[in-house]
Amino acid sequence: METRSNPNQPAHKKASVRKPSARLVVIPVALVVLLGFLAAWMWLIPHGQRINTDGYQVVYLTNNQAYFGKLQNTEGNYLVIEGAYTAQEVQAPATSKNKTPETQTTLVKVRDQVAGPEDSIAIRADQVLFWQNLRSDSKVSQAIEAKE
């Protein structure tokens, strides 16, 4: 004989189906959105120093050369500098006061070199040690502005 704890309860009870509560839906959706935002932030948005498009940059190479100008990009196999300059040491003529000639550093536009290249230069990324934005009051920035 079957004993019931509650006489009003039927012998065969149907399994009740519950509707998911709003919390059980909102929390996973919020986590997916948050993880998507974090993934996009990590892989799509560049981190680190950004190019100051209003100013000039200097790019230092592994062979101790430096180029100055408007850096266009920092990603990929090549970095491109528009309006590129390089520093060149020039011997100033000896004067009567100074018997030994002095050396002065001057900026030379890349396109004015003997080979006659275009006004931009593409540098292999693996040859770059580092690059920096130049302040607008730096001597190099002022010299480039004077030559432009």
N, C-alpha and C. Protein backbone atom coordinates (compact mmCIF):
# COMPACT_ATOMS: atom_id res chain seq x y z
N MET A 1 0.82 -1.16 0.00
CA MET A 1 0.00 0.00 0.00
C MET A 1 0.87 1.24 0.00
N GLU A 2 0.42 2.24 -0.69
CA GLU A 2 1.20 3.46 -0.86
C GLU A 2 0.80 4.47 0.19
N THR A 3 1.80 5.07 0.81
CA THR A 3 1.50 6.08 1.81
C THR A 3 1.80 7.43 1.25
N ARG A 4 0.94 8.36 1.51
CA ARG A 4 1.14 9.73 1.03
C ARG A 4 1.38 10.63 2.24
N SER A 5 2.30 11.55 2.07
CA SER A 5 2.54 12.49 3.16
C SER A 5 1.49 13.58 3.16
N ASN A 6 0.99 13.90 1.97
CA ASN A 6 -0.06 14.91 1.86
C ASN A 6 -1.24 14.26 1.14
N PRO A 7 -2.35 14.14 1.80
CA PRO A 7 -3.46 13.45 1.17
C PRO A 7 -4.04 14.21 -0.01
N ASN A 8 -3.86 15.50 -0.11
CA ASN A 8 -4.41 16.27 -1.22
C ASN A 8 -3.53 16.21 -2.47
N GLN A 9 -2.31 15.71 -2.36
CA GLN A 9 -1.36 15.66 -3.48
C GLN A 9 -1.60 14.40 -4.29
N PRO A 10 -1.67 14.52 -5.63
CA PRO A 10 -1.89 13.33 -6.45
C PRO A 10 -0.70 12.40 -6.39
N ALA A 11 -0.96 11.12 -6.67
CA ALA A 11 0.09 10.11 -6.61
C ALA A 11 1.15 10.32 -7.69
N HIS A 12 0.74 10.71 -8.86
CA HIS A 12 1.70 10.96 -9.94
C HIS A 12 1.83 12.46 -10.15
N LYS A 13 2.94 12.99 -9.70
CA LYS A 13 3.17 14.44 -9.78
C LYS A 13 3.91 14.77 -11.08
N LYS A 14 3.43 15.78 -11.85
CA LYS A 14 4.08 16.20 -13.08
C LYS A 14 5.32 17.03 -12.73
N ALA A 15 6.38 16.85 -13.53
CA ALA A 15 7.58 17.66 -13.32
C ALA A 15 7.26 19.08 -13.76
N SER A 16 7.55 20.03 -12.90
CA SER A 16 7.24 21.41 -13.23
C SER A 16 8.37 22.03 -14.05
N VAL A 17 8.01 22.77 -15.09
CA VAL A 17 8.98 23.46 -15.93
C VAL A 17 9.00 24.91 -15.50
N ARG A 18 10.19 25.35 -15.08
CA ARG A 18 10.33 26.74 -14.63
C ARG A 18 10.81 27.61 -15.77
N LYS A 19 10.34 28.80 -15.83
CA LYS A 19 10.85 29.77 -16.78
C LYS A 19 12.15 30.32 -16.21
N PRO A 20 13.16 30.49 -17.07
CA PRO A 20 14.40 31.04 -16.53
C PRO A 20 14.17 32.46 -16.03
N SER A 21 14.77 32.76 -14.92
CA SER A 21 14.61 34.10 -14.39
C SER A 21 15.43 35.08 -15.24
N ALA A 22 15.09 36.33 -15.15
CA ALA A 22 15.77 37.37 -15.94
C ALA A 22 17.26 37.41 -15.62
N ARG A 23 17.61 37.13 -14.39
CA ARG A 23 19.03 37.15 -14.01
C ARG A 23 19.84 36.11 -14.75
N LEU A 24 19.26 34.95 -14.95
CA LEU A 24 19.99 33.87 -15.62
C LEU A 24 20.21 34.18 -17.10
N VAL A 25 19.48 35.09 -17.66
CA VAL A 25 19.67 35.48 -19.05
C VAL A 25 20.56 36.71 -19.15
N VAL A 26 20.36 37.69 -18.30
CA VAL A 26 21.09 38.95 -18.37
C VAL A 26 22.56 38.77 -18.03
N ILE A 27 22.87 38.01 -17.02
CA ILE A 27 24.27 37.86 -16.59
C ILE A 27 25.14 37.23 -17.69
N PRO A 28 24.76 36.11 -18.31
CA PRO A 28 25.61 35.58 -19.38
C PRO A 28 25.73 36.52 -20.58
N VAL A 29 24.64 37.21 -20.93
CA VAL A 29 24.71 38.15 -22.05
C VAL A 29 25.66 39.29 -21.72
N ALA A 30 25.59 39.80 -20.50
CA ALA A 30 26.49 40.87 -20.08
C ALA A 30 27.94 40.39 -20.09
N LEU A 31 28.20 39.17 -19.68
CA LEU A 31 29.56 38.63 -19.70
C LEU A 31 30.09 38.49 -21.12
N VAL A 32 29.24 38.04 -22.03
CA VAL A 32 29.66 37.91 -23.43
C VAL A 32 29.99 39.28 -24.02
N VAL A 33 29.16 40.28 -23.75
CA VAL A 33 29.41 41.64 -24.24
C VAL A 33 30.71 42.18 -23.66
N LEU A 34 30.92 41.97 -22.37
CA LEU A 34 32.14 42.44 -21.72
C LEU A 34 33.37 41.76 -22.29
N LEU A 35 33.32 40.45 -22.47
CA LEU A 35 34.45 39.73 -23.05
C LEU A 35 34.71 40.18 -24.49
N GLY A 36 33.66 40.45 -25.25
CA GLY A 36 33.84 40.96 -26.61
C GLY A 36 34.51 42.31 -26.63
N PHE A 37 34.11 43.19 -25.72
CA PHE A 37 34.74 44.51 -25.62
C PHE A 37 36.21 44.38 -25.25
N LEU A 38 36.52 43.53 -24.28
CA LEU A 38 37.91 43.34 -23.86
C LEU A 38 38.76 42.77 -24.99
N ALA A 39 38.22 41.80 -25.73
CA ALA A 39 38.96 41.23 -26.86
C ALA A 39 39.23 42.28 -27.92
N ALA A 40 38.23 43.10 -28.24
CA ALA A 40 38.42 44.16 -29.23
C ALA A 40 39.44 45.17 -28.75
N TRP A 41 39.39 45.51 -27.48
CA TRP A 41 40.33 46.48 -26.93
C TRP A 41 41.76 45.94 -26.99
N MET A 42 41.94 44.65 -26.73
CA MET A 42 43.29 44.07 -26.72
C MET A 42 43.87 43.90 -28.12
N TRP A 43 43.03 43.51 -29.09
CA TRP A 43 43.58 43.17 -30.40
C TRP A 43 43.36 44.22 -31.47
N LEU A 44 42.38 45.06 -31.34
CA LEU A 44 42.08 46.01 -32.41
C LEU A 44 42.58 47.41 -32.14
N ILE A 45 42.63 47.81 -30.91
CA ILE A 45 43.04 49.17 -30.57
C ILE A 45 44.54 49.16 -30.28
N PRO A 46 45.33 49.94 -31.03
CA PRO A 46 46.77 49.96 -30.78
C PRO A 46 47.09 50.57 -29.43
N HIS A 47 48.04 49.99 -28.76
CA HIS A 47 48.47 50.48 -27.46
C HIS A 47 49.88 51.04 -27.58
N GLY A 48 50.28 51.79 -26.61
CA GLY A 48 51.61 52.36 -26.63
C GLY A 48 51.58 53.79 -27.14
N GLN A 49 52.73 54.27 -27.51
CA GLN A 49 52.85 55.65 -27.95
C GLN A 49 52.15 55.86 -29.28
N ARG A 50 51.50 56.97 -29.42
CA ARG A 50 50.79 57.30 -30.66
C ARG A 50 51.54 58.42 -31.39
N ILE A 51 51.42 58.40 -32.71
CA ILE A 51 52.06 59.42 -33.53
C ILE A 51 51.33 60.74 -33.35
N ASN A 52 52.09 61.78 -33.03
CA ASN A 52 51.53 63.14 -32.97
C ASN A 52 51.49 63.66 -34.41
N THR A 53 50.31 63.64 -35.01
CA THR A 53 50.19 64.02 -36.42
C THR A 53 50.42 65.51 -36.65
N ASP A 54 50.39 66.32 -35.59
CA ASP A 54 50.64 67.75 -35.73
C ASP A 54 52.13 68.07 -35.69
N GLY A 55 52.96 67.13 -35.29
CA GLY A 55 54.38 67.40 -35.13
C GLY A 55 55.25 66.49 -35.98
N TYR A 56 56.52 66.47 -35.64
CA TYR A 56 57.51 65.66 -36.34
C TYR A 56 57.99 64.54 -35.43
N GLN A 57 58.57 63.52 -36.05
CA GLN A 57 59.10 62.39 -35.31
C GLN A 57 60.54 62.14 -35.73
N VAL A 58 61.26 61.43 -34.86
CA VAL A 58 62.60 60.95 -35.18
C VAL A 58 62.55 59.44 -35.08
N VAL A 59 63.20 58.77 -36.05
CA VAL A 59 63.28 57.32 -36.07
C VAL A 59 64.75 56.95 -36.02
N TYR A 60 65.13 56.21 -34.99
CA TYR A 60 66.52 55.77 -34.81
C TYR A 60 66.66 54.35 -35.33
N LEU A 61 67.69 54.13 -36.16
CA LEU A 61 67.91 52.82 -36.77
C LEU A 61 69.05 52.07 -36.09
N THR A 62 69.12 50.78 -36.38
CA THR A 62 70.16 49.93 -35.77
C THR A 62 71.55 50.28 -36.27
N ASN A 63 71.67 50.99 -37.41
CA ASN A 63 72.99 51.36 -37.95
C ASN A 63 73.42 52.76 -37.51
N ASN A 64 72.80 53.27 -36.43
CA ASN A 64 73.11 54.58 -35.84
C ASN A 64 72.66 55.77 -36.69
N GLN A 65 71.85 55.54 -37.72
CA GLN A 65 71.28 56.65 -38.48
C GLN A 65 69.98 57.08 -37.83
N ALA A 66 69.61 58.31 -38.08
CA ALA A 66 68.33 58.84 -37.59
C ALA A 66 67.68 59.61 -38.72
N TYR A 67 66.38 59.45 -38.85
CA TYR A 67 65.61 60.19 -39.84
C TYR A 67 64.53 60.98 -39.13
N PHE A 68 64.27 62.17 -39.64
CA PHE A 68 63.29 63.08 -39.05
C PHE A 68 62.22 63.38 -40.10
N GLY A 69 61.01 63.58 -39.65
CA GLY A 69 59.92 63.93 -40.57
C GLY A 69 58.59 63.53 -39.98
N LYS A 70 57.61 63.35 -40.86
CA LYS A 70 56.24 62.98 -40.46
C LYS A 70 56.10 61.46 -40.59
N LEU A 71 56.13 60.78 -39.46
CA LEU A 71 55.96 59.33 -39.45
C LEU A 71 54.51 58.99 -39.75
N GLN A 72 54.29 58.09 -40.70
CA GLN A 72 52.94 57.77 -41.14
C GLN A 72 52.34 56.56 -40.42
N ASN A 73 53.17 55.63 -40.01
CA ASN A 73 52.67 54.41 -39.39
C ASN A 73 53.74 53.79 -38.48
N THR A 74 53.29 52.93 -37.59
CA THR A 74 54.23 52.19 -36.73
C THR A 74 53.97 50.70 -36.79
N GLU A 75 53.06 50.27 -37.61
CA GLU A 75 52.71 48.86 -37.75
C GLU A 75 53.16 48.35 -39.11
N GLY A 76 53.30 47.04 -39.24
CA GLY A 76 53.64 46.44 -40.52
C GLY A 76 55.14 46.24 -40.67
N ASN A 77 55.54 45.83 -41.87
CA ASN A 77 56.95 45.52 -42.15
C ASN A 77 57.79 46.75 -42.40
N TYR A 78 57.15 47.86 -42.79
CA TYR A 78 57.88 49.09 -43.11
C TYR A 78 57.24 50.28 -42.41
N LEU A 79 58.08 51.16 -41.88
CA LEU A 79 57.63 52.44 -41.36
C LEU A 79 57.90 53.47 -42.45
N VAL A 80 56.95 54.35 -42.70
CA VAL A 80 57.07 55.34 -43.76
C VAL A 80 57.18 56.73 -43.13
N ILE A 81 58.18 57.50 -43.59
CA ILE A 81 58.36 58.88 -43.15
C ILE A 81 58.19 59.77 -44.37
N GLU A 82 57.26 60.71 -44.29
CA GLU A 82 57.05 61.70 -45.35
C GLU A 82 57.88 62.94 -45.03
N GLY A 83 58.40 63.57 -46.07
CA GLY A 83 59.21 64.78 -45.88
C GLY A 83 60.42 64.49 -45.02
N ALA A 84 61.11 63.38 -45.31
CA ALA A 84 62.20 62.89 -44.47
C ALA A 84 63.46 63.74 -44.59
N TYR A 85 64.10 63.92 -43.44
CA TYR A 85 65.40 64.59 -43.33
C TYR A 85 66.37 63.65 -42.64
N THR A 86 67.64 63.88 -42.89
CA THR A 86 68.69 63.18 -42.17
C THR A 86 69.70 64.21 -41.68
N ALA A 87 70.36 63.92 -40.59
CA ALA A 87 71.37 64.84 -40.06
C ALA A 87 72.70 64.57 -40.75
N GLN A 88 73.40 65.64 -41.09
CA GLN A 88 74.69 65.51 -41.76
C GLN A 88 75.66 66.49 -41.14
N GLU A 89 76.86 66.00 -40.85
CA GLU A 89 77.89 66.89 -40.30
C GLU A 89 78.63 67.58 -41.43
N VAL A 90 78.78 68.89 -41.29
CA VAL A 90 79.44 69.70 -42.31
C VAL A 90 80.61 70.42 -41.65
N GLN A 91 81.74 70.43 -42.33
CA GLN A 91 82.92 71.13 -41.82
C GLN A 91 82.81 72.61 -42.16
N ALA A 92 82.80 73.43 -41.14
CA ALA A 92 82.82 74.88 -41.35
C ALA A 92 84.25 75.30 -41.66
N PRO A 93 84.43 76.26 -42.52
CA PRO A 93 85.80 76.68 -42.88
C PRO A 93 86.54 77.26 -41.67
N ALA A 94 87.83 77.06 -41.65
CA ALA A 94 88.66 77.59 -40.57
C ALA A 94 88.73 79.10 -40.69
N THR A 95 88.70 79.77 -39.56
CA THR A 95 88.80 81.23 -39.54
C THR A 95 90.16 81.62 -39.00
N SER A 96 90.47 82.90 -39.08
CA SER A 96 91.76 83.37 -38.58
C SER A 96 91.85 83.18 -37.06
N LYS A 97 90.72 83.29 -36.37
CA LYS A 97 90.71 83.08 -34.92
C LYS A 97 90.85 81.60 -34.58
N ASN A 98 90.20 80.79 -35.37
CA ASN A 98 90.17 79.36 -35.09
C ASN A 98 90.84 78.62 -36.24
N LYS A 99 92.02 78.09 -36.00
CA LYS A 99 92.78 77.43 -37.06
C LYS A 99 92.20 76.06 -37.41
N THR A 100 91.50 75.43 -36.47
CA THR A 100 90.92 74.11 -36.76
C THR A 100 89.47 74.28 -37.21
N PRO A 101 89.09 73.61 -38.27
CA PRO A 101 87.71 73.74 -38.74
C PRO A 101 86.73 73.10 -37.75
N GLU A 102 85.58 73.72 -37.60
CA GLU A 102 84.55 73.20 -36.71
C GLU A 102 83.54 72.41 -37.53
N THR A 103 82.96 71.43 -36.88
CA THR A 103 81.89 70.68 -37.55
C THR A 103 80.55 71.15 -37.03
N GLN A 104 79.62 71.28 -37.95
CA GLN A 104 78.26 71.67 -37.61
C GLN A 104 77.32 70.60 -38.15
N THR A 105 76.26 70.38 -37.44
CA THR A 105 75.26 69.42 -37.89
C THR A 105 74.12 70.18 -38.56
N THR A 106 73.77 69.72 -39.73
CA THR A 106 72.68 70.34 -40.48
C THR A 106 71.70 69.26 -40.96
N LEU A 107 70.49 69.66 -41.22
CA LEU A 107 69.50 68.72 -41.73
C LEU A 107 69.49 68.78 -43.25
N VAL A 108 69.48 67.62 -43.88
CA VAL A 108 69.45 67.52 -45.34
C VAL A 108 68.19 66.75 -45.71
N LYS A 109 67.40 67.34 -46.59
CA LYS A 109 66.18 66.66 -47.04
C LYS A 109 66.59 65.45 -47.88
N VAL A 110 65.96 64.32 -47.64
CA VAL A 110 66.32 63.09 -48.33
C VAL A 110 66.20 63.25 -49.84
N ARG A 111 65.19 63.96 -50.32
CA ARG A 111 65.00 64.12 -51.76
C ARG A 111 66.10 64.96 -52.41
N ASP A 112 66.87 65.72 -51.62
CA ASP A 112 67.95 66.55 -52.15
C ASP A 112 69.28 65.81 -52.23
N GLN A 113 69.29 64.53 -51.88
CA GLN A 113 70.53 63.76 -51.98
C GLN A 113 70.87 63.49 -53.44
N VAL A 114 72.09 63.10 -53.71
CA VAL A 114 72.61 62.93 -55.07
C VAL A 114 71.76 61.95 -55.88
N ALA A 115 71.28 60.88 -55.25
CA ALA A 115 70.51 59.87 -55.99
C ALA A 115 69.15 60.41 -56.44
N GLY A 116 68.67 61.47 -55.83
CA GLY A 116 67.40 62.07 -56.22
C GLY A 116 66.17 61.24 -55.87
N PRO A 117 66.10 60.72 -54.65
CA PRO A 117 64.93 59.92 -54.28
C PRO A 117 63.69 60.79 -54.08
N GLU A 118 62.55 60.14 -53.92
CA GLU A 118 61.31 60.85 -53.64
C GLU A 118 61.36 61.43 -52.23
N ASP A 119 60.29 62.13 -51.85
CA ASP A 119 60.27 62.86 -50.58
C ASP A 119 59.92 62.00 -49.37
N SER A 120 59.69 60.70 -49.58
CA SER A 120 59.39 59.83 -48.45
C SER A 120 60.40 58.69 -48.41
N ILE A 121 60.44 58.04 -47.26
CA ILE A 121 61.36 56.93 -47.10
C ILE A 121 60.63 55.81 -46.36
N ALA A 122 60.82 54.58 -46.83
CA ALA A 122 60.25 53.40 -46.18
C ALA A 122 61.39 52.66 -45.50
N ILE A 123 61.25 52.43 -44.22
CA ILE A 123 62.30 51.80 -43.42
C ILE A 123 61.80 50.46 -42.91
N ARG A 124 62.58 49.43 -43.09
CA ARG A 124 62.19 48.11 -42.58
C ARG A 124 62.02 48.18 -41.07
N ALA A 125 60.93 47.66 -40.58
CA ALA A 125 60.61 47.74 -39.16
C ALA A 125 61.66 47.05 -38.30
N ASP A 126 62.29 45.98 -38.83
CA ASP A 126 63.29 45.28 -38.02
C ASP A 126 64.61 46.05 -37.92
N GLN A 127 64.74 47.16 -38.65
CA GLN A 127 65.92 48.01 -38.58
C GLN A 127 65.73 49.20 -37.64
N VAL A 128 64.53 49.32 -37.07
CA VAL A 128 64.20 50.46 -36.21
C VAL A 128 64.46 50.09 -34.75
N LEU A 129 65.27 50.91 -34.08
CA LEU A 129 65.47 50.73 -32.64
C LEU A 129 64.29 51.29 -31.88
N PHE A 130 63.96 52.55 -32.17
CA PHE A 130 62.80 53.19 -31.55
C PHE A 130 62.51 54.48 -32.30
N TRP A 131 61.36 55.05 -31.99
CA TRP A 131 60.98 56.34 -32.57
C TRP A 131 60.39 57.19 -31.47
N GLN A 132 60.39 58.51 -31.69
CA GLN A 132 59.86 59.45 -30.72
C GLN A 132 59.17 60.61 -31.42
N ASN A 133 58.15 61.14 -30.76
CA ASN A 133 57.55 62.40 -31.20
C ASN A 133 58.49 63.52 -30.76
N LEU A 134 58.66 64.52 -31.61
CA LEU A 134 59.48 65.68 -31.27
C LEU A 134 58.57 66.80 -30.76
N ARG A 135 59.05 67.53 -29.78
CA ARG A 135 58.30 68.70 -29.30
C ARG A 135 58.34 69.79 -30.38
N SER A 136 57.35 70.63 -30.39
CA SER A 136 57.32 71.71 -31.38
C SER A 136 58.41 72.75 -31.15
N ASP A 137 58.92 72.81 -29.91
CA ASP A 137 59.98 73.78 -29.61
C ASP A 137 61.38 73.17 -29.71
N SER A 138 61.51 71.94 -30.20
CA SER A 138 62.84 71.33 -30.35
C SER A 138 63.58 72.00 -31.50
N LYS A 139 64.91 71.97 -31.45
CA LYS A 139 65.72 72.59 -32.50
C LYS A 139 65.47 71.93 -33.85
N VAL A 140 65.28 70.62 -33.84
CA VAL A 140 65.03 69.91 -35.11
C VAL A 140 63.69 70.32 -35.70
N SER A 141 62.64 70.37 -34.89
CA SER A 141 61.33 70.79 -35.38
C SER A 141 61.38 72.20 -35.94
N GLN A 142 62.07 73.08 -35.25
CA GLN A 142 62.18 74.46 -35.70
C GLN A 142 62.99 74.55 -36.99
N ALA A 143 64.05 73.73 -37.11
CA ALA A 143 64.86 73.73 -38.33
C ALA A 143 64.05 73.21 -39.53
N ILE A 144 63.25 72.17 -39.30
CA ILE A 144 62.42 71.65 -40.40
C ILE A 144 61.38 72.70 -40.80
N GLU A 145 60.75 73.34 -39.84
CA GLU A 145 59.76 74.38 -40.14
C GLU A 145 60.39 75.51 -40.94
N ALA A 146 61.64 75.87 -40.62
CA ALA A 146 62.32 76.95 -41.32
C ALA A 146 62.63 76.55 -42.77
N LYS A 147 62.89 75.26 -43.02
CA LYS A 147 63.22 74.79 -44.36
C LYS A 147 61.98 74.57 -45.21
N GLU A 148 60.81 74.37 -44.60
CA GLU A 148 59.58 74.07 -45.35
C GLU A 148 59.03 75.29 -46.01
